[in-house]
Protein backbone atom coordinates (compact mmCIF):
# COMPACT_ATOMS: atom_id res chain seq x y z
CA MET A 1 -6.18 -6.38 55.84
CA ALA A 2 -8.67 -7.18 58.54
CA LEU A 3 -12.18 -8.48 58.82
CA HIS A 4 -13.93 -6.99 61.80
CA ILE A 5 -15.58 -9.96 63.43
CA LEU A 6 -18.46 -8.89 65.59
CA ASP A 7 -20.17 -11.49 67.80
CA ASN A 8 -18.88 -14.74 66.27
CA SER A 9 -16.33 -16.29 63.96
CA PHE A 10 -16.14 -15.80 60.21
CA VAL A 11 -15.61 -18.78 57.95
CA CYS A 12 -14.66 -18.10 54.36
CA LEU A 13 -16.23 -20.57 51.96
CA GLY A 14 -15.57 -20.06 48.25
CA ILE A 15 -18.52 -20.37 45.91
CA SER A 16 -18.07 -21.32 42.30
CA PRO A 17 -20.20 -19.63 39.63
CA ALA A 18 -21.82 -23.02 38.93
CA THR A 19 -22.86 -23.32 42.58
CA MET A 20 -24.24 -19.78 42.57
CA LYS A 21 -26.36 -20.63 39.51
CA LYS A 22 -27.61 -23.78 41.29
CA ILE A 23 -28.80 -21.77 44.30
CA GLY A 24 -30.51 -19.28 42.03
CA VAL A 25 -28.13 -16.31 42.24
CA ASN A 26 -28.29 -14.23 39.07
CA LEU A 27 -24.75 -13.69 37.78
CA GLU A 28 -25.70 -11.07 35.20
CA CYS A 29 -24.01 -7.72 35.79
CA SER A 30 -26.15 -5.58 33.53
CA MET A 31 -29.35 -3.71 34.26
CA THR A 32 -32.46 -5.64 33.28
CA GLN A 33 -35.41 -3.61 32.09
CA ASP A 34 -39.00 -4.88 32.17
CA LYS A 35 -41.61 -2.31 31.17
CA ASN A 36 -39.90 0.65 32.88
CA THR A 37 -39.06 -1.44 35.96
CA ALA A 38 -35.37 -1.87 36.71
CA VAL A 39 -34.15 -4.61 39.02
CA ALA A 40 -30.97 -4.82 41.06
CA THR A 41 -28.29 -7.13 39.70
CA VAL A 42 -25.88 -9.14 41.82
CA GLU A 43 -23.14 -6.62 41.01
CA GLN A 44 -25.30 -3.67 42.13
CA VAL A 45 -26.13 -5.40 45.42
CA LYS A 46 -22.43 -6.17 45.92
CA ARG A 47 -21.61 -2.48 45.36
CA TYR A 48 -24.39 -1.51 47.79
CA PHE A 49 -22.78 -3.55 50.57
CA ALA A 50 -19.28 -2.34 49.60
CA TYR A 51 -20.27 1.32 49.91
CA TRP A 52 -21.99 0.89 53.27
CA PHE A 53 -19.15 -1.20 54.71
CA GLN A 54 -16.83 1.73 53.95
CA VAL A 55 -18.79 4.00 56.30
CA GLY A 56 -18.91 1.42 59.09
CA LYS A 57 -22.27 -0.29 58.53
CA PRO A 58 -21.99 -4.03 59.22
CA VAL A 59 -24.14 -6.75 57.72
CA ILE A 60 -26.24 -8.77 60.16
CA LEU A 61 -26.43 -12.54 59.68
CA PRO A 62 -29.43 -13.76 61.68
CA VAL A 63 -28.25 -17.38 61.49
CA GLY A 64 -25.68 -17.52 64.27
CA ASP A 65 -26.41 -13.90 65.23
CA ARG A 66 -23.25 -12.55 63.57
CA ARG A 67 -22.19 -9.15 62.28
CA LEU A 68 -19.57 -8.79 59.54
CA LEU A 69 -17.69 -5.66 58.59
CA PRO A 70 -14.72 -6.23 56.26
CA ASN A 71 -11.95 -3.65 56.28
CA PRO A 72 -10.53 -2.56 53.93
CA VAL A 73 -13.17 -2.96 51.24
CA VAL A 74 -11.21 -1.60 48.28
CA ILE A 75 -7.50 -1.92 47.58
CA GLY A 76 -6.42 0.01 44.51
CA ASP A 77 -8.46 -1.08 41.50
CA ARG A 78 -10.17 -4.11 43.09
CA TYR A 79 -12.12 -5.27 46.08
CA SER A 80 -10.03 -6.54 48.99
CA GLU A 81 -9.73 -10.25 49.75
CA MET A 82 -11.57 -9.61 53.02
CA PHE A 83 -14.51 -8.04 51.19
CA GLU A 84 -14.60 -10.82 48.58
CA ALA A 85 -14.57 -13.44 51.37
CA CYS A 86 -17.40 -11.63 53.13
CA TRP A 87 -19.39 -11.41 49.88
CA ALA A 88 -18.88 -15.15 49.27
CA GLU A 89 -20.15 -15.82 52.80
CA LEU A 90 -23.22 -13.65 52.16
CA LEU A 91 -24.05 -15.63 49.02
CA GLN A 92 -24.27 -18.88 50.98
CA PRO A 93 -27.90 -20.12 50.98
CA LYS A 94 -28.00 -20.05 54.79
CA ASN A 95 -27.28 -16.30 54.73
CA GLN A 96 -30.03 -15.14 52.35
CA ASP A 97 -31.74 -13.44 55.33
CA ALA A 98 -28.67 -11.25 55.97
CA TYR A 99 -29.33 -7.49 55.97
CA LEU A 100 -27.41 -4.25 56.38
CA GLU A 101 -27.60 -2.86 59.91
CA GLY A 102 -30.25 -0.17 60.11
CA THR A 103 -32.34 -1.68 57.30
CA ASN A 104 -34.79 -4.52 57.01
CA HIS A 105 -34.11 -5.50 53.39
CA THR A 106 -32.67 -9.02 53.24
CA LEU A 107 -30.11 -10.10 50.67
CA LYS A 108 -32.73 -12.46 49.21
CA GLU A 109 -35.16 -9.54 48.77
CA LEU A 110 -32.52 -7.28 47.21
CA LEU A 111 -31.70 -9.98 44.66
CA SER A 112 -35.38 -10.39 43.75
CA ASP A 113 -37.03 -8.58 40.86
CA ARG A 114 -38.85 -6.23 43.25
CA TRP A 115 -35.82 -4.07 44.15
CA ASP A 116 -33.53 -1.64 42.38
CA ILE A 117 -30.43 0.10 43.78
CA LEU A 118 -30.36 3.87 43.20
CA SER A 119 -28.66 6.86 44.86
CA CYS A 120 -30.08 8.41 48.02
CA ALA A 121 -31.24 11.98 47.38
CA ARG A 122 -29.71 13.06 50.72
CA CYS A 123 -26.29 11.42 50.68
CA THR A 124 -25.87 9.90 47.17
CA MET A 125 -25.08 6.49 48.67
CA PRO A 126 -26.70 3.43 47.08
CA VAL A 127 -30.12 2.65 48.52
CA PRO A 128 -32.63 -0.10 47.74
CA ILE A 129 -35.80 1.18 46.11
CA ASP A 130 -38.97 -0.89 45.96
CA THR A 131 -39.87 -0.94 42.25
CA ILE A 132 -43.56 -0.95 43.11
CA GLY A 133 -43.08 2.09 45.34
CA LEU A 134 -44.12 0.70 48.70
CA ASP A 135 -40.88 0.96 50.67
CA ILE A 136 -38.33 3.75 50.42
CA GLY A 137 -35.57 4.49 52.91
CA CYS A 138 -31.83 4.98 53.20
CA PRO A 139 -29.45 3.39 55.70
CA CYS A 140 -27.92 6.87 56.17
CA SER A 141 -30.90 7.88 58.29
CA ASP A 142 -29.29 6.53 61.49
CA LEU A 143 -25.73 7.71 60.81
CA SER A 144 -25.05 10.84 62.81
CA GLY A 145 -22.87 13.30 60.95
CA TRP A 146 -23.52 11.73 57.55
CA PRO A 147 -23.07 12.80 54.87
CA ASN A 148 -19.64 14.05 55.88
CA VAL A 149 -18.02 16.12 53.13
CA ASN A 150 -14.70 16.05 55.02
CA LEU A 151 -14.28 12.31 54.38
CA PRO A 152 -13.59 10.63 51.06
CA ILE A 153 -16.78 9.41 49.41
CA PRO A 154 -17.07 5.59 49.50
CA HIS A 155 -16.34 4.03 46.14
CA CYS A 156 -15.87 0.77 44.31
CA PRO A 157 -12.67 -0.31 42.60
CA ASP A 158 -12.07 1.13 39.17
CA ASN A 159 -9.14 0.44 36.94
CA PRO A 160 -7.72 3.77 35.66
CA ARG A 161 -6.67 2.06 32.42
CA ASN A 162 -10.28 1.01 31.80
CA GLN A 163 -11.45 4.58 32.47
CA LEU A 164 -8.93 5.95 29.98
CA ASP A 165 -9.96 3.33 27.41
CA ARG A 166 -13.64 4.37 27.82
CA ILE A 167 -12.74 8.06 27.42
CA ASN A 168 -10.64 7.26 24.36
CA GLN A 169 -13.49 5.25 22.83
CA ARG A 170 -15.98 8.08 23.42
CA LEU A 171 -13.61 10.57 21.77
CA GLN A 172 -13.12 8.26 18.78
CA ASP A 173 -16.89 7.84 18.49
CA ARG A 174 -17.38 11.61 18.52
CA LEU A 175 -14.71 12.09 15.86
CA ALA A 176 -16.32 9.42 13.72
CA ASN A 177 -19.71 11.14 14.04
CA LEU A 178 -18.23 14.49 12.97
CA ASN A 179 -16.85 12.99 9.75
């Protein structure tokens, strides 16, 4: 495991859920709907960074002028320790102005109720969408040779047992509906 440190040092500071609530970070992992307007959850923003890290896009931390690019991001069915440490660092209040290289959407903005994370029509990667329709763009626009169908598609960890349990549940639901 390695964390690519670009420009400065990386300090891993753990953040408890209680501290995250104190600094106003929403810990809900479900989609919130408000009159046809979806907003990005903390989990969706985390996935957004995870996907882009996998194709080499670092996050820029203006405080201290640092760039972070954890590698690997996913190990088996979970995020790597390096990615989790990077994510914890991003959630520090001093880093709320952090943004993905090639974009101008800060972490604070992405976690606000103005943004949603959807798939890019060009490359299917997660992209922030302004829910009031004023700002649309994908970080893939400055990646030469992307999308690259010869490379594995970036992904988030998924436990195969959980997938099988979901499939099993859907099949049981269908059987129950037939009876």
